[in-house]
Amino acid sequence: MIAPVRGTPRLLVLDGETRIALAVVRSLGRAGAELLVASGQPDSLAQVSRFTDRALLSPSPKNAPREWIEWLFDTIENEKPDLLLPLTDRSVTLTLGVEKEIRAHTRLPHVSNEIFQEVADKGRLVQQARILGVPAPRTLRIPPVEDRPADLAENIRQFPYPAVLKPEISEVLHESRFVKVSVEYPESADDVLRLIDPSGNANYRDVPLLLQERIRGVGVGVFAVCRNGEPLALFAHRRRLEKPPSGGVSVLCESIPLSQAPVDEALRLLRHYKWEGAAMVEFKERPDGTPYLMEINPRFWGSLQLAIDAGVDFPAILYRSIIGETDTVANPPTYESGRRMRWLLGTVDHLIIRMKREPLRALGDIIFRNALLILARPTKTSLQVYRSDDPAPFSHELRDWIHDTFRRVGARRRSTRL
């Protein structure tokens, strides 16, 4: 039986190396919680925040998942946190895999492992979305080599191109470690057949894949904290710049009114799954305005700080709901539309990638078309990592970025000499 929360609640925040953890720590630190922040990296991004009470070093959940689970059980037993917050797909996967044992000792504000597995499987999610009337990309499942049907090559040739080839599940636990399979953008059936050839990429042989039509448009996210499928709070944003530029993590995003986002479609899904805790429902919006479902992330998201800046403090709302201070969905918080947030070093990486590919065109776009949106809405744009009242995380991030940049340059020089 979990003890009721008394005094100052103690929270165990995992994945302290992420910007998600930094946003959570800043939010809940201001709310007065005692924060233990764990990471497989010493002195990680969120651990150096002034709001972290104690930093814990864990094994790597990617390379040593069994040791990480043992460490988590020991830490929960010794520290007795009132709430556990895993913040990446990796840690959520591992934690929900032993959810019965975890929930017996602390609060875990997530959907069940059964629902998580349904949603993590993008093929099953697409099927369910279509049943619920939510637009989703046309999809062809490609099983691992030993299960591929005889007519697979013909089905691939009949598929419309250009397309996207991606793993059915983003990261797969394979031989005691997580394997991340890259996303490819084939222009033809021959490209797909080459990529999935049994003699080629081992990861593409051993994991189920999805071939999907490529939806060209703007990334739009609908974010929620829910209880039994009903939202305690909602927020929506549009991605303005990404890293890499072809599609990836957001480096500049903007809050938009709920009326301009596919909220009905998102809530249809969340209510179907009777969602508990945080969720990011991600769409690609075509120029005609049709939103196509991409995925549901069962956790807090990379641009969480934007929602907090705009007026929806999701970590604090979740925290209060767990400890019993929020028990209504009647008056969800409003927020400021048109608010922007920039990941500064991510923007630099975005620029470097563009300059490598098309230097003259990229330079012209930046100088004459303000492609990085540097001059747009400066008074409504905040930086994701740098905060004047908590500067240490940005200094930490900048140091690591400089170190990694010089390491990559050195590796390329050595490769060129060889």
Protein backbone atom coordinates (compact mmCIF):
# COMPACT_ATOMS: atom_id res chain seq x y z
CA MET A 1 0.00 0.00 0.00
CA ILE A 2 1.41 3.38 -1.03
CA ALA A 3 1.59 5.84 1.85
CA PRO A 4 -0.38 9.11 1.46
CA VAL A 5 1.64 12.19 0.56
CA ARG A 6 2.60 14.20 3.64
CA GLY A 7 4.86 17.19 4.05
CA THR A 8 7.09 18.00 1.08
CA PRO A 9 6.50 15.42 -1.69
CA ARG A 10 9.62 13.65 -2.93
CA LEU A 11 9.81 13.01 -6.68
CA LEU A 12 12.22 10.79 -8.58
CA VAL A 13 12.78 12.31 -12.04
CA LEU A 14 14.50 10.02 -14.55
CA ASP A 15 16.39 10.88 -17.75
CA GLY A 16 18.08 13.96 -16.31
CA GLU A 17 20.17 14.42 -19.48
CA THR A 18 17.09 15.56 -21.47
CA ARG A 19 15.58 18.98 -21.97
CA ILE A 20 12.25 17.43 -20.96
CA ALA A 21 13.68 16.66 -17.51
CA LEU A 22 15.00 20.21 -17.24
CA ALA A 23 11.52 21.65 -17.87
CA VAL A 24 10.00 19.24 -15.34
CA VAL A 25 12.62 20.07 -12.69
CA ARG A 26 12.19 23.82 -13.12
CA SER A 27 8.41 23.51 -12.90
CA LEU A 28 8.20 21.19 -9.91
CA GLY A 29 11.10 22.87 -8.12
CA ARG A 30 9.11 26.09 -8.16
CA ALA A 31 6.07 24.12 -6.94
CA GLY A 32 8.03 23.16 -3.83
CA ALA A 33 8.70 19.45 -4.45
CA GLU A 34 11.87 17.69 -3.34
CA LEU A 35 13.55 16.53 -6.55
CA LEU A 36 15.87 13.58 -6.97
CA VAL A 37 17.13 13.61 -10.57
CA ALA A 38 18.67 10.48 -12.04
CA SER A 39 20.72 10.03 -15.19
CA GLY A 40 23.15 7.59 -16.75
CA GLN A 41 25.44 10.59 -17.31
CA PRO A 42 27.15 12.33 -14.39
CA ASP A 43 26.28 16.03 -13.92
CA SER A 44 23.58 15.88 -16.58
CA LEU A 45 21.59 18.84 -17.92
CA ALA A 46 18.74 18.79 -15.38
CA GLN A 47 20.99 17.72 -12.51
CA VAL A 48 22.94 20.98 -12.61
CA SER A 49 19.75 23.04 -12.30
CA ARG A 50 19.45 25.00 -9.07
CA PHE A 51 16.06 23.30 -8.52
CA THR A 52 17.57 19.80 -8.23
CA ASP A 53 17.93 18.72 -4.61
CA ARG A 54 20.03 15.60 -5.25
CA ALA A 55 21.60 14.02 -8.34
CA LEU A 56 21.64 10.22 -8.70
CA LEU A 57 23.83 8.26 -11.10
CA SER A 58 22.12 5.26 -12.72
CA PRO A 59 23.27 2.57 -15.16
CA SER A 60 22.53 3.29 -18.82
CA PRO A 61 18.95 2.28 -19.66
CA LYS A 62 20.03 1.90 -23.29
CA ASN A 63 23.09 -0.32 -22.86
CA ALA A 64 22.36 -1.99 -19.51
CA PRO A 65 18.56 -2.22 -19.12
CA ARG A 66 18.61 -5.12 -16.63
CA GLU A 67 21.06 -3.32 -14.36
CA TRP A 68 18.97 -0.17 -14.72
CA ILE A 69 15.82 -1.97 -13.53
CA GLU A 70 17.69 -3.38 -10.52
CA TRP A 71 19.01 0.11 -9.74
CA LEU A 72 15.45 1.53 -10.01
CA PHE A 73 14.02 -1.02 -7.55
CA ASP A 74 16.84 -0.34 -5.09
CA THR A 75 16.40 3.43 -5.41
CA ILE A 76 12.63 3.29 -4.88
CA GLU A 77 13.15 1.09 -1.80
CA ASN A 78 15.83 3.35 -0.33
CA GLU A 79 14.50 6.80 -1.29
CA LYS A 80 10.75 6.08 -1.08
CA PRO A 81 9.65 8.69 -3.66
CA ASP A 82 6.01 9.74 -3.70
CA LEU A 83 6.04 9.94 -7.50
CA LEU A 84 8.18 8.44 -10.29
CA LEU A 85 8.56 10.31 -13.60
CA PRO A 86 10.19 8.43 -16.52
CA LEU A 87 10.60 10.89 -19.40
CA THR A 88 11.90 8.99 -22.45
CA ASP A 89 10.51 6.11 -24.51
CA ARG A 90 13.33 3.95 -23.16
CA SER A 91 12.65 4.54 -19.48
CA VAL A 92 8.87 4.37 -19.96
CA THR A 93 9.24 1.02 -21.76
CA LEU A 94 11.40 -0.44 -18.99
CA THR A 95 9.32 0.99 -16.14
CA LEU A 96 5.96 -0.15 -17.51
CA GLY A 97 7.47 -3.58 -18.16
CA VAL A 98 7.55 -4.01 -14.36
CA GLU A 99 4.65 -1.69 -13.58
CA LYS A 100 2.94 -4.02 -11.08
CA GLU A 101 6.00 -4.04 -8.83
CA ILE A 102 6.58 -0.28 -9.32
CA ARG A 103 2.97 0.71 -8.61
CA ALA A 104 3.05 -1.28 -5.38
CA HIS A 105 5.65 1.10 -3.97
CA THR A 106 5.17 4.51 -5.63
CA ARG A 107 2.87 6.49 -7.91
CA LEU A 108 3.45 6.09 -11.65
CA PRO A 109 1.30 8.56 -13.64
CA HIS A 110 1.15 6.59 -16.89
CA VAL A 111 -1.20 4.40 -18.88
CA SER A 112 -0.92 0.66 -18.33
CA ASN A 113 1.74 -1.35 -20.12
CA GLU A 114 -1.01 -2.95 -22.24
CA ILE A 115 -2.16 0.43 -23.58
CA PHE A 116 1.42 1.61 -23.97
CA GLN A 117 2.29 -1.39 -26.15
CA GLU A 118 -0.79 -0.76 -28.32
CA VAL A 119 0.18 2.86 -28.88
CA ALA A 120 3.92 2.23 -29.32
CA ASP A 121 3.10 -0.14 -32.19
CA LYS A 122 2.53 2.46 -34.91
CA GLY A 123 0.86 -0.08 -37.20
CA ARG A 124 -1.80 -0.92 -34.63
CA LEU A 125 -2.21 2.76 -33.81
CA VAL A 126 -2.88 3.61 -37.48
CA GLN A 127 -5.52 0.88 -37.67
CA GLN A 128 -7.26 2.13 -34.55
CA ALA A 129 -7.12 5.73 -35.77
CA ARG A 130 -8.93 4.78 -38.96
CA ILE A 131 -11.61 2.94 -37.00
CA LEU A 132 -12.15 6.13 -34.99
CA GLY A 133 -12.27 8.30 -38.12
CA VAL A 134 -8.89 9.97 -37.52
CA PRO A 135 -6.93 10.48 -40.78
CA ALA A 136 -3.69 8.46 -40.91
CA PRO A 137 -1.13 7.80 -43.65
CA ARG A 138 -1.56 4.84 -45.96
CA THR A 139 0.59 2.10 -44.42
CA LEU A 140 2.11 -1.23 -45.46
CA ARG A 141 3.60 -3.47 -42.77
CA ILE A 142 6.89 -5.22 -43.61
CA PRO A 143 7.54 -8.12 -41.19
CA PRO A 144 11.01 -9.40 -40.23
CA VAL A 145 12.72 -11.52 -42.88
CA GLU A 146 11.51 -14.89 -41.64
CA ASP A 147 7.84 -13.79 -41.72
CA ARG A 148 7.70 -11.88 -45.01
CA PRO A 149 4.89 -12.98 -47.37
CA ALA A 150 5.55 -14.03 -50.94
CA ASP A 151 3.68 -11.05 -52.42
CA LEU A 152 5.55 -8.42 -50.36
CA ALA A 153 7.72 -7.20 -53.28
CA GLU A 154 4.64 -6.74 -55.47
CA ASN A 155 2.83 -4.80 -52.72
CA ILE A 156 5.89 -2.58 -52.31
CA ARG A 157 5.95 -1.88 -56.06
CA GLN A 158 2.29 -0.88 -55.99
CA PHE A 159 2.78 1.53 -53.09
CA PRO A 160 2.74 5.30 -53.89
CA TYR A 161 6.06 7.17 -53.73
CA PRO A 162 7.82 9.11 -52.29
CA ALA A 163 7.30 7.29 -48.99
CA VAL A 164 8.68 6.86 -45.48
CA LEU A 165 10.24 3.63 -44.20
CA LYS A 166 10.41 3.43 -40.42
CA PRO A 167 10.40 0.89 -37.60
CA GLU A 168 7.03 -0.21 -36.26
CA ILE A 169 8.35 0.61 -32.76
CA SER A 170 10.86 3.46 -32.44
CA GLU A 171 13.34 1.59 -30.23
CA VAL A 172 13.49 -2.18 -29.85
CA LEU A 173 14.95 -4.07 -26.89
CA HIS A 174 17.21 -6.54 -28.70
CA GLU A 175 19.76 -8.84 -27.04
CA SER A 176 19.77 -6.90 -23.74
CA ARG A 177 20.13 -3.44 -25.26
CA PHE A 178 17.96 -0.91 -27.04
CA VAL A 179 18.42 -0.63 -30.80
CA LYS A 180 17.20 2.50 -32.61
CA VAL A 181 16.41 1.93 -36.28
CA SER A 182 16.80 4.93 -38.58
CA VAL A 183 13.97 6.41 -40.64
CA GLU A 184 14.49 6.41 -44.41
CA TYR A 185 12.75 8.36 -47.19
CA PRO A 186 12.65 6.10 -50.27
CA GLU A 187 11.79 7.67 -53.60
CA SER A 188 10.89 4.38 -55.31
CA ALA A 189 10.09 0.71 -54.76
CA ASP A 190 13.68 -0.17 -55.74
CA ASP A 191 14.93 1.99 -52.86
CA VAL A 192 12.72 0.06 -50.41
CA LEU A 193 13.73 -3.35 -51.76
CA ARG A 194 17.38 -2.39 -51.46
CA LEU A 195 16.94 -1.17 -47.88
CA ILE A 196 15.15 -4.33 -46.71
CA ASP A 197 17.38 -6.76 -48.60
CA PRO A 198 18.34 -9.60 -46.19
CA SER A 199 22.02 -9.11 -47.01
CA GLY A 200 21.89 -5.41 -46.04
CA ASN A 201 21.16 -3.57 -42.78
CA ALA A 202 20.81 -6.14 -39.97
CA ASN A 203 18.33 -3.95 -38.09
CA TYR A 204 16.09 -3.81 -41.15
CA ARG A 205 16.10 -7.62 -41.29
CA ASP A 206 15.21 -8.27 -37.67
CA VAL A 207 12.49 -5.74 -36.79
CA PRO A 208 9.03 -5.10 -38.26
CA LEU A 209 8.89 -2.00 -40.46
CA LEU A 210 6.20 0.30 -41.79
CA LEU A 211 6.12 1.75 -45.29
CA GLN A 212 3.98 4.87 -45.15
CA GLU A 213 2.96 7.53 -47.62
CA ARG A 214 4.95 10.69 -47.04
CA ILE A 215 2.76 13.45 -45.68
CA ARG A 216 4.20 16.83 -46.58
CA GLY A 217 3.15 19.61 -44.28
CA VAL A 218 3.65 21.29 -40.94
CA GLY A 219 4.05 19.35 -37.69
CA VAL A 220 1.26 20.10 -35.22
CA GLY A 221 1.09 18.70 -31.70
CA VAL A 222 -1.84 18.42 -29.31
CA PHE A 223 -0.69 17.93 -25.73
CA ALA A 224 -2.70 16.82 -22.73
CA VAL A 225 -2.67 15.63 -19.18
CA CYS A 226 -5.63 13.30 -18.69
CA ARG A 227 -7.50 11.35 -16.09
CA ASN A 228 -9.46 8.39 -17.45
CA GLY A 229 -9.35 9.89 -20.94
CA GLU A 230 -10.61 13.34 -19.96
CA PRO A 231 -8.18 16.28 -20.19
CA LEU A 232 -7.14 18.22 -17.12
CA ALA A 233 -5.30 20.57 -19.50
CA LEU A 234 -4.76 20.96 -23.25
CA PHE A 235 -2.21 22.82 -25.35
CA ALA A 236 -1.26 22.94 -29.04
CA HIS A 237 1.78 24.07 -30.97
CA ARG A 238 3.12 24.19 -34.50
CA ARG A 239 6.71 23.38 -35.42
CA ARG A 240 8.47 26.17 -37.28
CA LEU A 241 12.02 24.73 -37.57
CA GLU A 242 13.33 21.21 -37.05
CA LYS A 243 16.61 19.35 -36.74
CA PRO A 244 17.34 17.92 -39.21
CA PRO A 245 15.49 20.36 -41.50
CA SER A 246 13.81 17.45 -43.33
CA GLY A 247 11.99 16.50 -40.12
CA GLY A 248 13.00 15.68 -36.58
CA VAL A 249 13.03 17.39 -33.20
CA SER A 250 11.68 20.91 -32.94
CA VAL A 251 14.20 23.75 -32.62
CA LEU A 252 11.62 26.52 -32.95
CA CYS A 253 7.96 26.04 -32.14
CA GLU A 254 4.95 28.29 -31.60
CA SER A 255 1.81 27.99 -29.49
CA ILE A 256 -1.42 28.04 -31.51
CA PRO A 257 -5.08 28.30 -30.44
CA LEU A 258 -6.85 25.01 -29.80
CA SER A 259 -9.32 26.05 -32.50
CA GLN A 260 -6.48 25.78 -35.08
CA ALA A 261 -5.35 22.32 -33.94
CA PRO A 262 -6.82 18.81 -34.46
CA VAL A 263 -8.07 18.66 -30.88
CA ASP A 264 -11.19 16.63 -31.68
CA GLU A 265 -9.10 13.97 -33.40
CA ALA A 266 -6.63 13.84 -30.50
CA LEU A 267 -9.37 13.56 -27.89
CA ARG A 268 -11.07 10.79 -29.88
CA LEU A 269 -7.91 8.73 -29.46
CA LEU A 270 -7.21 9.66 -25.83
CA ARG A 271 -10.79 8.89 -24.78
CA HIS A 272 -10.69 5.55 -26.59
CA TYR A 273 -7.58 4.53 -24.65
CA LYS A 274 -8.94 6.03 -21.36
CA TRP A 275 -5.63 7.86 -21.15
CA GLU A 276 -3.88 8.49 -17.85
CA GLY A 277 -1.13 11.09 -17.41
CA ALA A 278 0.69 13.04 -20.11
CA ALA A 279 0.39 12.53 -23.86
CA MET A 280 1.62 14.17 -27.04
CA VAL A 281 -0.56 13.45 -30.07
CA GLU A 282 1.47 14.39 -33.13
CA PHE A 283 0.04 15.22 -36.55
CA LYS A 284 1.29 16.40 -39.92
CA GLU A 285 -1.04 18.98 -41.41
CA ARG A 286 -1.24 19.09 -45.21
CA PRO A 287 -1.60 22.46 -46.98
CA ASP A 288 -5.34 21.76 -47.40
CA GLY A 289 -5.62 21.62 -43.58
CA THR A 290 -6.13 17.86 -43.22
CA PRO A 291 -4.29 16.55 -40.13
CA TYR A 292 -2.69 13.09 -40.42
CA LEU A 293 -1.81 11.19 -37.26
CA MET A 294 1.90 10.44 -36.86
CA GLU A 295 2.15 9.00 -33.33
CA ILE A 296 1.20 9.30 -29.67
CA ASN A 297 4.02 9.82 -27.17
CA PRO A 298 2.96 8.48 -23.74
CA ARG A 299 5.01 10.98 -21.75
CA PHE A 300 6.03 14.60 -21.53
CA TRP A 301 7.46 15.99 -24.77
CA GLY A 302 10.52 17.92 -25.98
CA SER A 303 8.77 21.28 -26.26
CA LEU A 304 7.21 21.07 -22.79
CA GLN A 305 8.87 24.34 -21.75
CA LEU A 306 6.86 26.24 -24.39
CA ALA A 307 3.58 25.14 -22.83
CA ILE A 308 4.81 26.20 -19.39
CA ASP A 309 5.94 29.60 -20.73
CA ALA A 310 2.59 30.10 -22.47
CA GLY A 311 0.62 29.42 -19.29
CA VAL A 312 -0.06 25.67 -19.06
CA ASP A 313 2.26 24.20 -16.44
CA PHE A 314 1.69 20.54 -17.26
CA PRO A 315 4.14 19.06 -14.71
CA ALA A 316 2.58 21.08 -11.88
CA ILE A 317 -0.94 20.12 -13.03
CA LEU A 318 -0.01 16.43 -13.13
CA TYR A 319 1.77 16.69 -9.79
CA ARG A 320 -1.22 18.34 -8.09
CA SER A 321 -3.61 15.77 -9.56
CA ILE A 322 -1.50 12.91 -8.23
CA ILE A 323 -1.25 14.30 -4.70
CA GLY A 324 -4.97 15.08 -4.71
CA GLU A 325 -5.08 18.87 -5.08
CA THR A 326 -6.66 18.95 -8.57
CA ASP A 327 -9.88 17.01 -9.02
CA THR A 328 -11.70 18.76 -11.83
CA VAL A 329 -11.62 18.98 -15.62
CA ALA A 330 -14.27 21.70 -15.77
CA ASN A 331 -11.92 24.69 -16.05
CA PRO A 332 -8.76 23.75 -17.97
CA PRO A 333 -6.15 26.55 -18.06
CA THR A 334 -5.98 28.97 -20.97
CA TYR A 335 -2.71 30.02 -22.59
CA GLU A 336 -1.08 32.65 -24.78
CA SER A 337 -1.14 31.94 -28.54
CA GLY A 338 1.75 33.08 -30.71
CA ARG A 339 4.33 32.39 -28.03
CA ARG A 340 7.58 30.92 -29.40
CA MET A 341 10.43 28.91 -27.96
CA ARG A 342 13.84 28.37 -29.52
CA TRP A 343 16.37 25.67 -28.77
CA LEU A 344 19.40 27.82 -29.49
CA LEU A 345 22.06 25.15 -30.10
CA GLY A 346 19.54 23.07 -32.05
CA THR A 347 19.04 26.09 -34.31
CA VAL A 348 22.81 26.28 -34.85
CA ASP A 349 22.81 22.58 -35.79
CA HIS A 350 19.88 23.20 -38.17
CA LEU A 351 21.91 25.98 -39.82
CA ILE A 352 25.05 23.83 -40.11
CA ILE A 353 23.12 20.99 -41.77
CA ARG A 354 21.58 23.38 -44.30
CA MET A 355 24.91 25.06 -45.04
CA LYS A 356 26.54 21.68 -45.71
CA ARG A 357 23.84 20.65 -48.15
CA GLU A 358 23.18 23.86 -50.08
CA PRO A 359 25.49 26.63 -48.81
CA LEU A 360 24.56 29.37 -51.29
CA ARG A 361 20.84 28.77 -51.15
CA ALA A 362 20.86 28.44 -47.36
CA LEU A 363 22.84 31.65 -46.97
CA GLY A 364 20.44 33.53 -49.24
CA ASP A 365 17.41 32.19 -47.36
CA ILE A 366 18.87 33.23 -44.03
CA ILE A 367 19.96 36.73 -45.10
CA PHE A 368 17.10 37.72 -47.40
CA ARG A 369 14.17 35.58 -46.22
CA ASN A 370 14.87 35.34 -42.49
CA ALA A 371 14.69 31.54 -42.79
CA LEU A 372 15.75 31.01 -39.17
CA LEU A 373 13.05 33.45 -38.01
CA ILE A 374 15.61 35.26 -35.88
CA LEU A 375 13.92 38.65 -36.26
CA ALA A 376 10.34 37.42 -35.97
CA ARG A 377 8.54 38.12 -32.67
CA PRO A 378 11.68 38.59 -30.56
CA THR A 379 9.70 39.79 -27.54
CA LYS A 380 7.53 36.65 -27.62
CA THR A 381 10.38 34.17 -28.12
CA SER A 382 12.07 32.52 -25.15
CA LEU A 383 15.11 30.25 -25.10
CA GLN A 384 14.48 26.66 -24.09
CA VAL A 385 17.58 25.97 -22.00
CA TYR A 386 18.97 29.37 -21.00
CA ARG A 387 17.14 31.06 -18.13
CA SER A 388 18.63 33.99 -16.25
CA ASP A 389 17.47 32.58 -12.90
CA ASP A 390 18.93 29.14 -13.67
CA PRO A 391 21.94 29.61 -16.02
CA ALA A 392 23.98 26.49 -15.17
CA PRO A 393 22.15 24.10 -17.56
CA PHE A 394 22.93 26.29 -20.59
CA SER A 395 26.61 26.53 -19.63
CA HIS A 396 26.64 22.74 -19.30
CA GLU A 397 24.91 22.26 -22.68
CA LEU A 398 27.22 24.72 -24.45
CA ARG A 399 30.33 23.02 -23.05
CA ASP A 400 29.12 19.60 -24.23
CA TRP A 401 28.13 20.97 -27.65
CA ILE A 402 31.59 22.50 -28.19
CA HIS A 403 33.26 19.27 -27.06
CA ASP A 404 31.11 17.12 -29.36
CA THR A 405 31.64 19.48 -32.31
CA PHE A 406 35.43 19.34 -32.01
CA ARG A 407 35.28 15.56 -31.57
CA ARG A 408 33.26 15.14 -34.79
CA VAL A 409 35.59 17.46 -36.72
CA GLY A 410 38.60 15.50 -35.48
CA ALA A 411 36.99 12.20 -36.45
CA ARG A 412 36.30 13.50 -39.98
CA ARG A 413 39.88 14.69 -40.35
CA ARG A 414 41.24 11.30 -39.26
CA SER A 415 38.88 9.56 -41.66
CA THR A 416 40.00 11.82 -44.51
CA ARG A 417 43.68 11.11 -43.81
CA LEU A 418 43.03 7.37 -43.78
